[in-house]
Amino acid sequence: MECRFKYKVPGGKLIETVVMHNGISIESVRITGDFFLYPEEKLEAIEKSLTGSRIGSTEEELCAVIAGVVSKEGIEMIGISPEAIARAIKSAVSK
């Protein structure tokens, strides 16, 4: 199943998510928007880190996964945060 969601970060940027899932877990995630992330190619690491996450995961659990990748990969986010990405993903699968 494909789920889409657009989330405008208060005082920040737009995040658009496309989440593919099988009703139990996330199969793939695509994150786009008008935010800045450095290095850009590390966005794929964030997307891949969410593969296999349970659909029932809380925003906090998704955020912990994302924050772990951001820290490990030395990613700099401008206009978004791990919390904002987690909110957009959770909102997509909750629709």
PDB file of N, CA and C in Angstrom:
ATOM      1  N   MET A   1       0.835  -1.173   0.000  1.00  0.00           N
ATOM      2  CA  MET A   1       0.000   0.000   0.000  1.00  0.00           C
ATOM      3  C   MET A   1       0.885   1.243   0.000  1.00  0.00           C
ATOM      4  N   GLU A   2       0.518   2.229  -0.793  1.00  0.00           N
ATOM      5  CA  GLU A   2       1.273   3.476  -0.848  1.00  0.00           C
ATOM      6  C   GLU A   2       0.521   4.560  -0.087  1.00  0.00           C
ATOM      7  N   CYS A   3       1.222   5.242   0.800  1.00  0.00           N
ATOM      8  CA  CYS A   3       0.658   6.341   1.584  1.00  0.00           C
ATOM      9  C   CYS A   3       1.521   7.577   1.377  1.00  0.00           C
ATOM     10  N   ARG A   4       0.860   8.705   1.187  1.00  0.00           N
ATOM     11  CA  ARG A   4       1.568   9.973   0.983  1.00  0.00           C
ATOM     12  C   ARG A   4       1.117  10.981   2.036  1.00  0.00           C
ATOM     13  N   PHE A   5       2.049  11.854   2.406  1.00  0.00           N
ATOM     14  CA  PHE A   5       1.697  12.914   3.342  1.00  0.00           C
ATOM     15  C   PHE A   5       2.636  14.093   3.141  1.00  0.00           C
ATOM     16  N   LYS A   6       2.071  15.301   3.192  1.00  0.00           N
ATOM     17  CA  LYS A   6       2.857  16.535   3.153  1.00  0.00           C
ATOM     18  C   LYS A   6       2.745  17.186   4.515  1.00  0.00           C
ATOM     19  N   TYR A   7       3.893  17.579   5.047  1.00  0.00           N
ATOM     20  CA  TYR A   7       3.932  18.191   6.379  1.00  0.00           C
ATOM     21  C   TYR A   7       4.767  19.461   6.326  1.00  0.00           C
ATOM     22  N   LYS A   8       4.171  20.561   6.753  1.00  0.00           N
ATOM     23  CA  LYS A   8       4.869  21.843   6.820  1.00  0.00           C
ATOM     24  C   LYS A   8       5.367  22.017   8.248  1.00  0.00           C
ATOM     25  N   VAL A   9       6.666  22.031   8.400  1.00  0.00           N
ATOM     26  CA  VAL A   9       7.277  22.204   9.714  1.00  0.00           C
ATOM     27  C   VAL A   9       6.983  23.631  10.185  1.00  0.00           C
ATOM     28  N   PRO A  10       6.423  23.804  11.390  1.00  0.00           N
ATOM     29  CA  PRO A  10       6.158  25.162  11.879  1.00  0.00           C
ATOM     30  C   PRO A  10       7.446  26.001  11.860  1.00  0.00           C
ATOM     31  N   GLY A  11       7.423  27.077  11.122  1.00  0.00           N
ATOM     32  CA  GLY A  11       8.587  27.943  11.006  1.00  0.00           C
ATOM     33  C   GLY A  11       9.705  27.345  10.180  1.00  0.00           C
ATOM     34  N   GLY A  12       9.401  26.254   9.492  1.00  0.00           N
ATOM     35  CA  GLY A  12      10.432  25.556   8.728  1.00  0.00           C
ATOM     36  C   GLY A  12      10.005  25.254   7.307  1.00  0.00           C
ATOM     37  N   LYS A  13      10.385  24.107   6.848  1.00  0.00           N
ATOM     38  CA  LYS A  13      10.226  23.717   5.453  1.00  0.00           C
ATOM     39  C   LYS A  13       9.141  22.657   5.277  1.00  0.00           C
ATOM     40  N   LEU A  14       8.879  22.333   4.006  1.00  0.00           N
ATOM     41  CA  LEU A  14       7.898  21.318   3.647  1.00  0.00           C
ATOM     42  C   LEU A  14       8.585  19.958   3.499  1.00  0.00           C
ATOM     43  N   ILE A  15       7.977  18.932   4.075  1.00  0.00           N
ATOM     44  CA  ILE A  15       8.447  17.559   3.940  1.00  0.00           C
ATOM     45  C   ILE A  15       7.339  16.773   3.252  1.00  0.00           C
ATOM     46  N   GLU A  16       7.678  16.062   2.198  1.00  0.00           N
ATOM     47  CA  GLU A  16       6.729  15.189   1.520  1.00  0.00           C
ATOM     48  C   GLU A  16       7.238  13.762   1.651  1.00  0.00           C
ATOM     49  N   THR A  17       6.364  12.868   2.109  1.00  0.00           N
ATOM     50  CA  THR A  17       6.761  11.471   2.267  1.00  0.00           C
ATOM     51  C   THR A  17       5.869  10.562   1.435  1.00  0.00           C
ATOM     52  N   VAL A  18       6.484   9.540   0.886  1.00  0.00           N
ATOM     53  CA  VAL A  18       5.773   8.448   0.233  1.00  0.00           C
ATOM     54  C   VAL A  18       6.244   7.186   0.941  1.00  0.00           C
ATOM     55  N   VAL A  19       5.310   6.505   1.582  1.00  0.00           N
ATOM     56  CA  VAL A  19       5.636   5.320   2.358  1.00  0.00           C
ATOM     57  C   VAL A  19       4.913   4.116   1.742  1.00  0.00           C
ATOM     58  N   MET A  20       5.672   3.094   1.420  1.00  0.00           N
ATOM     59  CA  MET A  20       5.105   1.828   0.950  1.00  0.00           C
ATOM     60  C   MET A  20       5.150   0.871   2.135  1.00  0.00           C
ATOM     61  N   HIS A  21       3.998   0.208   2.405  1.00  0.00           N
ATOM     62  CA  HIS A  21       3.973  -0.756   3.501  1.00  0.00           C
ATOM     63  C   HIS A  21       3.059  -1.922   3.160  1.00  0.00           C
ATOM     64  N   ASN A  22       3.201  -2.977   3.925  1.00  0.00           N
ATOM     65  CA  ASN A  22       2.414  -4.188   3.701  1.00  0.00           C
ATOM     66  C   ASN A  22       1.337  -4.384   4.756  1.00  0.00           C
ATOM     67  N   GLY A  23       1.055  -3.335   5.521  1.00  0.00           N
ATOM     68  CA  GLY A  23       0.067  -3.420   6.587  1.00  0.00           C
ATOM     69  C   GLY A  23       0.676  -3.769   7.932  1.00  0.00           C
ATOM     70  N   ILE A  24       1.898  -4.252   7.912  1.00  0.00           N
ATOM     71  CA  ILE A  24       2.592  -4.626   9.146  1.00  0.00           C
ATOM     72  C   ILE A  24       3.858  -3.801   9.328  1.00  0.00           C
ATOM     73  N   SER A  25       4.629  -3.693   8.245  1.00  0.00           N
ATOM     74  CA  SER A  25       5.895  -2.960   8.340  1.00  0.00           C
ATOM     75  C   SER A  25       6.125  -2.103   7.089  1.00  0.00           C
ATOM     76  N   ILE A  26       7.032  -1.157   7.237  1.00  0.00           N
ATOM     77  CA  ILE A  26       7.390  -0.249   6.148  1.00  0.00           C
ATOM     78  C   ILE A  26       8.314  -0.985   5.183  1.00  0.00           C
ATOM     79  N   GLU A  27       7.973  -0.930   3.898  1.00  0.00           N
ATOM     80  CA  GLU A  27       8.790  -1.568   2.869  1.00  0.00           C
ATOM     81  C   GLU A  27       9.755  -0.581   2.224  1.00  0.00           C
ATOM     82  N   SER A  28       9.336   0.679   2.100  1.00  0.00           N
ATOM     83  CA  SER A  28      10.228   1.721   1.577  1.00  0.00           C
ATOM     84  C   SER A  28       9.678   3.091   1.942  1.00  0.00           C
ATOM     85  N   VAL A  29      10.587   4.065   1.966  1.00  0.00           N
ATOM     86  CA  VAL A  29      10.232   5.448   2.270  1.00  0.00           C
ATOM     87  C   VAL A  29      10.946   6.342   1.276  1.00  0.00           C
ATOM     88  N   ARG A  30      10.238   7.335   0.783  1.00  0.00           N
ATOM     89  CA  ARG A  30      10.839   8.373  -0.063  1.00  0.00           C
ATOM     90  C   ARG A  30      10.534   9.702   0.589  1.00  0.00           C
ATOM     91  N   ILE A  31      11.570  10.484   0.858  1.00  0.00           N
ATOM     92  CA  ILE A  31      11.424  11.784   1.519  1.00  0.00           C
ATOM     93  C   ILE A  31      11.901  12.867   0.563  1.00  0.00           C
ATOM     94  N   THR A  32      11.030  13.833   0.289  1.00  0.00           N
ATOM     95  CA  THR A  32      11.387  14.975  -0.555  1.00  0.00           C
ATOM     96  C   THR A  32      10.849  16.238   0.117  1.00  0.00           C
ATOM     97  N   GLY A  33      11.143  17.380  -0.479  1.00  0.00           N
ATOM     98  CA  GLY A  33      10.622  18.640   0.048  1.00  0.00           C
ATOM     99  C   GLY A  33      11.563  19.786  -0.258  1.00  0.00           C
ATOM    100  N   ASP A  34      11.296  20.912   0.384  1.00  0.00           N
ATOM    101  CA  ASP A  34      12.105  22.107   0.122  1.00  0.00           C
ATOM    102  C   ASP A  34      13.105  22.388   1.243  1.00  0.00           C
ATOM    103  N   PHE A  35      13.496  21.343   1.933  1.00  0.00           N
ATOM    104  CA  PHE A  35      14.459  21.459   3.033  1.00  0.00           C
ATOM    105  C   PHE A  35      15.880  21.263   2.512  1.00  0.00           C
ATOM    106  N   PHE A  36      16.843  21.505   3.389  1.00  0.00           N
ATOM    107  CA  PHE A  36      18.252  21.315   3.056  1.00  0.00           C
ATOM    108  C   PHE A  36      18.844  20.259   3.987  1.00  0.00           C
ATOM    109  N   LEU A  37      19.652  19.410   3.400  1.00  0.00           N
ATOM    110  CA  LEU A  37      20.296  18.347   4.151  1.00  0.00           C
ATOM    111  C   LEU A  37      21.703  18.192   3.579  1.00  0.00           C
ATOM    112  N   TYR A  38      22.690  18.142   4.471  1.00  0.00           N
ATOM    113  CA  TYR A  38      24.067  18.016   4.001  1.00  0.00           C
ATOM    114  C   TYR A  38      24.755  16.880   4.757  1.00  0.00           C
ATOM    115  N   PRO A  39      25.422  16.001   4.069  1.00  0.00           N
ATOM    116  CA  PRO A  39      25.490  15.855   2.618  1.00  0.00           C
ATOM    117  C   PRO A  39      24.183  15.274   2.066  1.00  0.00           C
ATOM    118  N   GLU A  40      23.761  15.770   0.915  1.00  0.00           N
ATOM    119  CA  GLU A  40      22.481  15.397   0.307  1.00  0.00           C
ATOM    120  C   GLU A  40      22.317  13.896   0.122  1.00  0.00           C
ATOM    121  N   GLU A  41      23.384  13.230  -0.288  1.00  0.00           N
ATOM    122  CA  GLU A  41      23.277  11.801  -0.588  1.00  0.00           C
ATOM    123  C   GLU A  41      22.972  10.949   0.649  1.00  0.00           C
ATOM    124  N   LYS A  42      23.093  11.518   1.830  1.00  0.00           N
ATOM    125  CA  LYS A  42      22.811  10.773   3.060  1.00  0.00           C
ATOM    126  C   LYS A  42      21.307  10.654   3.332  1.00  0.00           C
ATOM    127  N   LEU A  43      20.481  11.358   2.563  1.00  0.00           N
ATOM    128  CA  LEU A  43      19.032  11.212   2.715  1.00  0.00           C
ATOM    129  C   LEU A  43      18.634   9.756   2.481  1.00  0.00           C
ATOM    130  N   GLU A  44      19.303   9.108   1.552  1.00  0.00           N
ATOM    131  CA  GLU A  44      19.017   7.699   1.263  1.00  0.00           C
ATOM    132  C   GLU A  44      19.261   6.822   2.500  1.00  0.00           C
ATOM    133  N   ALA A  45      20.254   7.156   3.292  1.00  0.00           N
ATOM    134  CA  ALA A  45      20.534   6.384   4.511  1.00  0.00           C
ATOM    135  C   ALA A  45      19.382   6.519   5.506  1.00  0.00           C
ATOM    136  N   ILE A  46      18.815   7.706   5.587  1.00  0.00           N
ATOM    137  CA  ILE A  46      17.656   7.916   6.472  1.00  0.00           C
ATOM    138  C   ILE A  46      16.475   7.089   5.969  1.00  0.00           C
ATOM    139  N   GLU A  47      16.219   7.159   4.669  1.00  0.00           N
ATOM    140  CA  GLU A  47      15.102   6.413   4.087  1.00  0.00           C
ATOM    141  C   GLU A  47      15.263   4.908   4.323  1.00  0.00           C
ATOM    142  N   LYS A  48      16.447   4.384   4.068  1.00  0.00           N
ATOM    143  CA  LYS A  48      16.694   2.944   4.221  1.00  0.00           C
ATOM    144  C   LYS A  48      16.608   2.507   5.683  1.00  0.00           C
ATOM    145  N   SER A  49      16.969   3.397   6.601  1.00  0.00           N
ATOM    146  CA  SER A  49      16.943   3.031   8.018  1.00  0.00           C
ATOM    147  C   SER A  49      15.531   2.737   8.513  1.00  0.00           C
ATOM    148  N   LEU A  50      14.541   3.262   7.828  1.00  0.00           N
ATOM    149  CA  LEU A  50      13.152   3.083   8.249  1.00  0.00           C
ATOM    150  C   LEU A  50      12.521   1.816   7.686  1.00  0.00           C
ATOM    151  N   THR A  51      13.176   1.203   6.711  1.00  0.00           N
ATOM    152  CA  THR A  51      12.671  -0.041   6.131  1.00  0.00           C
ATOM    153  C   THR A  51      12.609  -1.117   7.211  1.00  0.00           C
ATOM    154  N   GLY A  52      11.474  -1.762   7.305  1.00  0.00           N
ATOM    155  CA  GLY A  52      11.275  -2.794   8.319  1.00  0.00           C
ATOM    156  C   GLY A  52      10.641  -2.292   9.600  1.00  0.00           C
ATOM    157  N   SER A  53      10.550  -0.970   9.760  1.00  0.00           N
ATOM    158  CA  SER A  53       9.893  -0.432  10.960  1.00  0.00           C
ATOM    159  C   SER A  53       8.427  -0.841  10.966  1.00  0.00           C
ATOM    160  N   ARG A  54       7.903  -1.102  12.138  1.00  0.00           N
ATOM    161  CA  ARG A  54       6.492  -1.474  12.256  1.00  0.00           C
ATOM    162  C   ARG A  54       5.591  -0.278  11.946  1.00  0.00           C
ATOM    163  N   ILE A  55       4.457  -0.558  11.315  1.00  0.00           N
ATOM    164  CA  ILE A  55       3.480   0.491  11.050  1.00  0.00           C
ATOM    165  C   ILE A  55       3.008   1.100  12.360  1.00  0.00           C
ATOM    166  N   GLY A  56       2.932   0.304  13.407  1.00  0.00           N
ATOM    167  CA  GLY A  56       2.483   0.774  14.718  1.00  0.00           C
ATOM    168  C   GLY A  56       3.539   1.499  15.523  1.00  0.00           C
ATOM    169  N   SER A  57       4.722   1.702  14.964  1.00  0.00           N
ATOM    170  CA  SER A  57       5.775   2.422  15.687  1.00  0.00           C
ATOM    171  C   SER A  57       5.294   3.820  16.044  1.00  0.00           C
ATOM    172  N   THR A  58       5.702   4.296  17.200  1.00  0.00           N
ATOM    173  CA  THR A  58       5.344   5.654  17.608  1.00  0.00           C
ATOM    174  C   THR A  58       6.254   6.660  16.902  1.00  0.00           C
ATOM    175  N   GLU A  59       5.854   7.922  16.937  1.00  0.00           N
ATOM    176  CA  GLU A  59       6.714   8.976  16.396  1.00  0.00           C
ATOM    177  C   GLU A  59       8.061   8.965  17.093  1.00  0.00           C
ATOM    178  N   GLU A  60       8.057   8.723  18.407  1.00  0.00           N
ATOM    179  CA  GLU A  60       9.298   8.713  19.178  1.00  0.00           C
ATOM    180  C   GLU A  60      10.226   7.587  18.719  1.00  0.00           C
ATOM    181  N   GLU A  61       9.658   6.417  18.433  1.00  0.00           N
ATOM    182  CA  GLU A  61      10.474   5.292  17.963  1.00  0.00           C
ATOM    183  C   GLU A  61      11.059   5.585  16.585  1.00  0.00           C
ATOM    184  N   LEU A  62      10.239   6.135  15.685  1.00  0.00           N
ATOM    185  CA  LEU A  62      10.733   6.493  14.348  1.00  0.00           C
ATOM    186  C   LEU A  62      11.797   7.581  14.450  1.00  0.00           C
ATOM    187  N   CYS A  63      11.562   8.557  15.317  1.00  0.00           N
ATOM    188  CA  CYS A  63      12.517   9.650  15.511  1.00  0.00           C
ATOM    189  C   CYS A  63      13.860   9.110  16.014  1.00  0.00           C
ATOM    190  N   ALA A  64      13.834   8.139  16.910  1.00  0.00           N
ATOM    191  CA  ALA A  64      15.076   7.573  17.442  1.00  0.00           C
ATOM    192  C   ALA A  64      15.887   6.909  16.329  1.00  0.00           C
ATOM    193  N   VAL A  65      15.206   6.215  15.424  1.00  0.00           N
ATOM    194  CA  VAL A  65      15.889   5.582  14.295  1.00  0.00           C
ATOM    195  C   VAL A  65      16.538   6.657  13.420  1.00  0.00           C
ATOM    196  N   ILE A  66      15.761   7.691  13.086  1.00  0.00           N
ATOM    197  CA  ILE A  66      16.261   8.770  12.221  1.00  0.00           C
ATOM    198  C   ILE A  66      17.402   9.516  12.895  1.00  0.00           C
ATOM    199  N   ALA A  67      17.228   9.860  14.160  1.00  0.00           N
ATOM    200  CA  ALA A  67      18.270  10.599  14.896  1.00  0.00           C
ATOM    201  C   ALA A  67      19.560   9.791  14.978  1.00  0.00           C
ATOM    202  N   GLY A  68      19.444   8.472  15.106  1.00  0.00           N
ATOM    203  CA  GLY A  68      20.629   7.621  15.134  1.00  0.00           C
ATOM    204  C   GLY A  68      21.422   7.704  13.842  1.00  0.00           C
ATOM    205  N   VAL A  69      20.719   7.699  12.707  1.00  0.00           N
ATOM    206  CA  VAL A  69      21.386   7.810  11.401  1.00  0.00           C
ATOM    207  C   VAL A  69      21.998   9.201  11.240  1.00  0.00           C
ATOM    208  N   VAL A  70      21.256  10.225  11.636  1.00  0.00           N
ATOM    209  CA  VAL A  70      21.760  11.597  11.528  1.00  0.00           C
ATOM    210  C   VAL A  70      23.059  11.742  12.310  1.00  0.00           C
ATOM    211  N   SER A  71      23.089  11.200  13.515  1.00  0.00           N
ATOM    212  CA  SER A  71      24.295  11.276  14.345  1.00  0.00           C
ATOM    213  C   SER A  71      25.435  10.457  13.748  1.00  0.00           C
ATOM    214  N   LYS A  72      25.157   9.216  13.399  1.00  0.00           N
ATOM    215  CA  LYS A  72      26.176   8.313  12.866  1.00  0.00           C
ATOM    216  C   LYS A  72      26.790   8.830  11.573  1.00  0.00           C
ATOM    217  N   GLU A  73      25.961   9.386  10.696  1.00  0.00           N
ATOM    218  CA  GLU A  73      26.409   9.832   9.373  1.00  0.00           C
ATOM    219  C   GLU A  73      26.862  11.296   9.353  1.00  0.00           C
ATOM    220  N   GLY A  74      26.732  12.006  10.476  1.00  0.00           N
ATOM    221  CA  GLY A  74      27.146  13.407  10.530  1.00  0.00           C
ATOM    222  C   GLY A  74      26.307  14.302   9.625  1.00  0.00           C
ATOM    223  N   ILE A  75      25.009  14.044   9.594  1.00  0.00           N
ATOM    224  CA  ILE A  75      24.099  14.784   8.716  1.00  0.00           C
ATOM    225  C   ILE A  75      23.692  16.097   9.370  1.00  0.00           C
ATOM    226  N   GLU A  76      23.706  17.154   8.579  1.00  0.00           N
ATOM    227  CA  GLU A  76      23.231  18.466   9.027  1.00  0.00           C
ATOM    228  C   GLU A  76      21.893  18.738   8.361  1.00  0.00           C
ATOM    229  N   MET A  77      20.882  19.032   9.177  1.00  0.00           N
ATOM    230  CA  MET A  77      19.538  19.327   8.665  1.00  0.00           C
ATOM    231  C   MET A  77      19.239  20.798   8.863  1.00  0.00           C
ATOM    232  N   ILE A  78      18.689  21.423   7.817  1.00  0.00           N
ATOM    233  CA  ILE A  78      18.330  22.841   7.888  1.00  0.00           C
ATOM    234  C   ILE A  78      16.853  22.960   7.502  1.00  0.00           C
ATOM    235  N   GLY A  79      16.042  23.427   8.444  1.00  0.00           N
ATOM    236  CA  GLY A  79      14.615  23.609   8.191  1.00  0.00           C
ATOM    237  C   GLY A  79      13.767  22.404   8.527  1.00  0.00           C
ATOM    238  N   ILE A  80      14.403  21.300   8.910  1.00  0.00           N
ATOM    239  CA  ILE A  80      13.690  20.088   9.339  1.00  0.00           C
ATOM    240  C   ILE A  80      14.439  19.464  10.503  1.00  0.00           C
ATOM    241  N   SER A  81      13.851  18.418  11.055  1.00  0.00           N
ATOM    242  CA  SER A  81      14.469  17.705  12.179  1.00  0.00           C
ATOM    243  C   SER A  81      14.055  16.241  12.099  1.00  0.00           C
ATOM    244  N   PRO A  82      14.738  15.366  12.843  1.00  0.00           N
ATOM    245  CA  PRO A  82      14.292  13.978  12.898  1.00  0.00           C
ATOM    246  C   PRO A  82      12.832  13.863  13.375  1.00  0.00           C
ATOM    247  N   GLU A  83      12.453  14.723  14.309  1.00  0.00           N
ATOM    248  CA  GLU A  83      11.076  14.711  14.816  1.00  0.00           C
ATOM    249  C   GLU A  83      10.073  15.036  13.711  1.00  0.00           C
ATOM    250  N   ALA A  84      10.406  16.007  12.859  1.00  0.00           N
ATOM    251  CA  ALA A  84       9.507  16.402  11.768  1.00  0.00           C
ATOM    252  C   ALA A  84       9.362  15.290  10.738  1.00  0.00           C
ATOM    253  N   ILE A  85      10.458  14.619  10.415  1.00  0.00           N
ATOM    254  CA  ILE A  85      10.391  13.503   9.470  1.00  0.00           C
ATOM    255  C   ILE A  85       9.554  12.378  10.070  1.00  0.00           C
ATOM    256  N   ALA A  86       9.775  12.070  11.328  1.00  0.00           N
ATOM    257  CA  ALA A  86       9.000  11.013  11.997  1.00  0.00           C
ATOM    258  C   ALA A  86       7.518  11.348  11.994  1.00  0.00           C
ATOM    259  N   ARG A  87       7.170  12.596  12.248  1.00  0.00           N
ATOM    260  CA  ARG A  87       5.769  13.016  12.240  1.00  0.00           C
ATOM    261  C   ARG A  87       5.147  12.838  10.859  1.00  0.00           C
ATOM    262  N   ALA A  88       5.885  13.210   9.816  1.00  0.00           N
ATOM    263  CA  ALA A  88       5.373  13.074   8.440  1.00  0.00           C
ATOM    264  C   ALA A  88       5.158  11.606   8.082  1.00  0.00           C
ATOM    265  N   ILE A  89       6.074  10.740   8.479  1.00  0.00           N
ATOM    266  CA  ILE A  89       5.947   9.319   8.177  1.00  0.00           C
ATOM    267  C   ILE A  89       4.800   8.702   8.953  1.00  0.00           C
ATOM    268  N   LYS A  90       4.715   8.997  10.232  1.00  0.00           N
ATOM    269  CA  LYS A  90       3.633   8.465  11.055  1.00  0.00           C
ATOM    270  C   LYS A  90       2.278   8.947  10.531  1.00  0.00           C
ATOM    271  N   SER A  91       2.198  10.198  10.134  1.00  0.00           N
ATOM    272  CA  SER A  91       0.947  10.737   9.593  1.00  0.00           C
ATOM    273  C   SER A  91       0.576  10.039   8.284  1.00  0.00           C
ATOM    274  N   ALA A  92       1.565   9.724   7.471  1.00  0.00           N
ATOM    275  CA  ALA A  92       1.301   9.039   6.193  1.00  0.00           C
ATOM    276  C   ALA A  92       0.676   7.666   6.435  1.00  0.00           C
ATOM    277  N   VAL A  93       1.229   6.897   7.342  1.00  0.00           N
ATOM    278  CA  VAL A  93       0.728   5.532   7.553  1.00  0.00           C
ATOM    279  C   VAL A  93      -0.518   5.506   8.433  1.00  0.00           C
ATOM    280  N   SER A  94      -0.854   6.606   9.058  1.00  0.00           N
ATOM    281  CA  SER A  94      -2.031   6.659   9.928  1.00  0.00           C
ATOM    282  C   SER A  94      -3.286   7.116   9.192  1.00  0.00           C
ATOM    283  N   LYS A  95      -3.121   7.519   7.933  1.00  0.00           N
ATOM    284  CA  LYS A  95      -4.256   8.026   7.167  1.00  0.00           C
ATOM    285  C   LYS A  95      -5.230   6.932   6.814  1.00  0.00           C
TER     286      LYS A  95
END
